[in-house]
């Protein structure tokens, strides 16, 4: 039982500013974010293998942390600069997470460039398959013509 309003209990969140460094807080919001990322990937095409689940999980954690930091900045007025004109202490973490998230999204095919490359690879594979099938039909036709002579 708590002795006062400020007595810390398990999962204490009294001193939490944004929660992006708290594994418990990030875990709560990353479950929902994981589903969002899977929906975004499935909307782009069905190309993920089960082994890619680790990347999706990593992207979900990164996005959850970024959202927590965004909410924190919004509570402070939305500016990365404080009232004294200094960059807020959380901004290096925000920038690092944004770079990590962009790289993870690129690996998952969720960036425009990655999608274009992926679509190009798929088109190339389909073209190669069509060429192979065409060559096989031609071989069968030539073999049939040769056997009739």
Protein backbone atom coordinates (compact mmCIF):
# COMPACT_ATOMS: atom_id res chain seq x y z
CA UNK A 1 0.00 0.00 0.00
CA UNK A 2 1.29 3.40 -0.90
CA UNK A 3 2.27 5.68 2.00
CA UNK A 4 1.70 8.86 0.02
CA UNK A 5 0.75 10.05 -3.44
CA UNK A 6 4.37 9.96 -4.54
CA UNK A 7 5.41 6.58 -3.13
CA UNK A 8 6.69 4.47 -5.99
CA UNK A 9 5.05 1.17 -6.74
CA UNK A 10 5.86 -1.47 -9.37
CA UNK A 11 5.76 -0.03 -12.89
CA UNK A 12 6.30 3.44 -11.44
CA UNK A 13 5.71 6.14 -14.01
CA UNK A 14 6.09 9.15 -11.73
CA UNK A 15 9.37 10.36 -13.22
CA UNK A 16 8.61 9.37 -16.81
CA UNK A 17 8.77 12.27 -19.23
CA UNK A 18 8.07 10.63 -22.58
CA UNK A 19 8.34 6.89 -21.92
CA UNK A 20 10.41 6.14 -25.04
CA UNK A 21 13.15 4.58 -22.92
CA UNK A 22 10.76 2.48 -20.83
CA UNK A 23 10.51 -1.09 -22.10
CA UNK A 24 7.17 -1.59 -20.34
CA UNK A 25 5.56 1.51 -21.83
CA UNK A 26 6.96 0.84 -25.31
CA UNK A 27 5.82 -2.79 -25.16
CA UNK A 28 2.24 -1.70 -24.48
CA UNK A 29 2.05 0.54 -27.53
CA UNK A 30 4.21 -1.57 -29.86
CA UNK A 31 1.61 -4.38 -30.00
CA UNK A 32 -0.86 -2.06 -31.75
CA UNK A 33 1.90 -0.57 -33.90
CA UNK A 34 3.02 -4.06 -34.98
CA UNK A 35 -0.44 -4.67 -36.49
CA UNK A 36 -0.33 -1.30 -38.28
CA UNK A 37 3.02 -2.14 -39.87
CA UNK A 38 1.84 -5.59 -40.93
CA UNK A 39 -1.22 -3.98 -42.53
CA UNK A 40 1.01 -1.47 -44.36
CA UNK A 41 3.26 -4.25 -45.62
CA UNK A 42 0.34 -6.41 -46.74
CA UNK A 43 -1.06 -3.40 -48.59
CA UNK A 44 2.20 -3.10 -50.50
CA UNK A 45 2.24 -6.74 -51.54
CA UNK A 46 2.60 -10.18 -50.08
CA UNK A 47 6.36 -10.57 -50.03
CA UNK A 48 7.32 -11.02 -46.37
CA UNK A 49 8.56 -14.35 -45.13
CA UNK A 50 8.06 -15.53 -41.53
CA UNK A 51 11.71 -14.71 -40.84
CA UNK A 52 10.92 -11.04 -41.56
CA UNK A 53 8.84 -10.92 -38.39
CA UNK A 54 11.90 -9.69 -36.49
CA UNK A 55 12.14 -6.65 -38.75
CA UNK A 56 8.45 -5.91 -38.33
CA UNK A 57 8.82 -6.19 -34.56
CA UNK A 58 11.85 -3.87 -34.59
CA UNK A 59 9.99 -1.34 -36.74
CA UNK A 60 7.01 -1.49 -34.37
CA UNK A 61 9.19 -0.72 -31.36
CA UNK A 62 10.91 2.14 -33.18
CA UNK A 63 7.60 3.62 -34.31
CA UNK A 64 6.09 3.28 -30.82
CA UNK A 65 9.05 5.15 -29.35
CA UNK A 66 8.82 7.86 -31.99
CA UNK A 67 5.12 8.32 -31.28
CA UNK A 68 5.77 8.60 -27.54
CA UNK A 69 8.38 11.25 -28.20
CA UNK A 70 6.04 13.10 -30.57
CA UNK A 71 3.31 13.11 -27.90
CA UNK A 72 5.82 14.43 -25.36
CA UNK A 73 6.89 17.24 -27.69
CA UNK A 74 3.24 18.09 -28.39
CA UNK A 75 2.58 18.38 -24.64
CA UNK A 76 5.47 20.86 -24.50
CA UNK A 77 4.12 22.95 -27.34
CA UNK A 78 5.37 20.94 -30.33
CA UNK A 79 8.72 22.65 -30.71
CA UNK A 80 12.09 20.87 -30.56
CA UNK A 81 13.43 24.14 -29.10
CA UNK A 82 12.70 25.06 -25.48
CA UNK A 83 11.74 28.50 -24.18
CA UNK A 84 15.42 29.41 -23.69
CA UNK A 85 16.24 28.68 -27.33
CA UNK A 86 18.04 25.38 -26.66
CA UNK A 87 17.43 22.11 -28.41
CA UNK A 88 15.44 19.78 -26.18
CA UNK A 89 17.42 16.91 -24.67
CA UNK A 90 15.20 14.30 -26.32
CA UNK A 91 15.97 15.48 -29.87
CA UNK A 92 19.12 13.36 -30.42
CA UNK A 93 17.02 10.31 -29.52
CA UNK A 94 14.26 11.44 -31.90
CA UNK A 95 16.71 11.89 -34.78
CA UNK A 96 18.44 8.54 -34.11
CA UNK A 97 15.08 6.73 -33.98
CA UNK A 98 13.94 8.40 -37.19
CA UNK A 99 17.09 7.21 -39.00
CA UNK A 100 16.69 3.68 -37.61
CA UNK A 101 13.01 3.57 -38.50
CA UNK A 102 13.67 4.80 -42.04
CA UNK A 103 16.33 2.11 -42.52
CA UNK A 104 14.04 -0.60 -41.13
CA UNK A 105 11.15 0.55 -43.33
CA UNK A 106 13.45 0.49 -46.33
CA UNK A 107 14.47 -3.08 -45.47
CA UNK A 108 10.78 -4.00 -45.24
CA UNK A 109 10.01 -2.38 -48.59
CA UNK A 110 7.96 0.43 -47.07
CA UNK A 111 9.80 3.34 -48.62
CA UNK A 112 9.06 4.59 -52.15
CA UNK A 113 12.56 3.67 -53.36
CA UNK A 114 12.45 0.20 -51.81
CA UNK A 115 8.98 -0.42 -53.29
CA UNK A 116 10.17 0.68 -56.74
CA UNK A 117 13.16 -1.64 -56.54
CA UNK A 118 10.97 -4.48 -55.29
CA UNK A 119 8.44 -3.95 -58.08
CA UNK A 120 11.27 -3.81 -60.61
CA UNK A 121 12.64 -7.11 -59.32
CA UNK A 122 9.19 -8.71 -59.45
CA UNK A 123 8.62 -7.44 -63.01
CA UNK A 124 12.04 -8.72 -64.05
CA UNK A 125 11.33 -12.14 -62.57
CA UNK A 126 7.95 -12.31 -64.33
CA UNK A 127 9.56 -11.27 -67.62
CA UNK A 128 12.26 -13.93 -67.22
CA UNK A 129 9.58 -16.54 -66.50
CA UNK A 130 7.59 -15.46 -69.58
CA UNK A 131 10.75 -15.72 -71.74
CA UNK A 132 11.45 -19.23 -70.39
CA UNK A 133 7.89 -20.33 -71.11
CA UNK A 134 8.04 -18.84 -74.62
CA UNK A 135 11.34 -20.60 -75.33
CA UNK A 136 9.91 -23.89 -74.08
CA UNK A 137 6.84 -23.54 -76.34
CA UNK A 138 9.15 -22.78 -79.29
CA UNK A 139 11.30 -25.86 -78.52
CA UNK A 140 8.20 -28.05 -78.37
CA UNK A 141 6.93 -26.63 -81.65
CA UNK A 142 10.28 -27.14 -83.41
CA UNK A 143 10.50 -30.68 -82.01
CA UNK A 144 6.95 -31.42 -83.22
CA UNK A 145 7.72 -30.01 -86.69
CA UNK A 146 10.94 -32.02 -86.90
CA UNK A 147 9.17 -35.26 -85.92
CA UNK A 148 6.52 -34.73 -88.64
CA UNK A 149 9.15 -34.52 -91.37
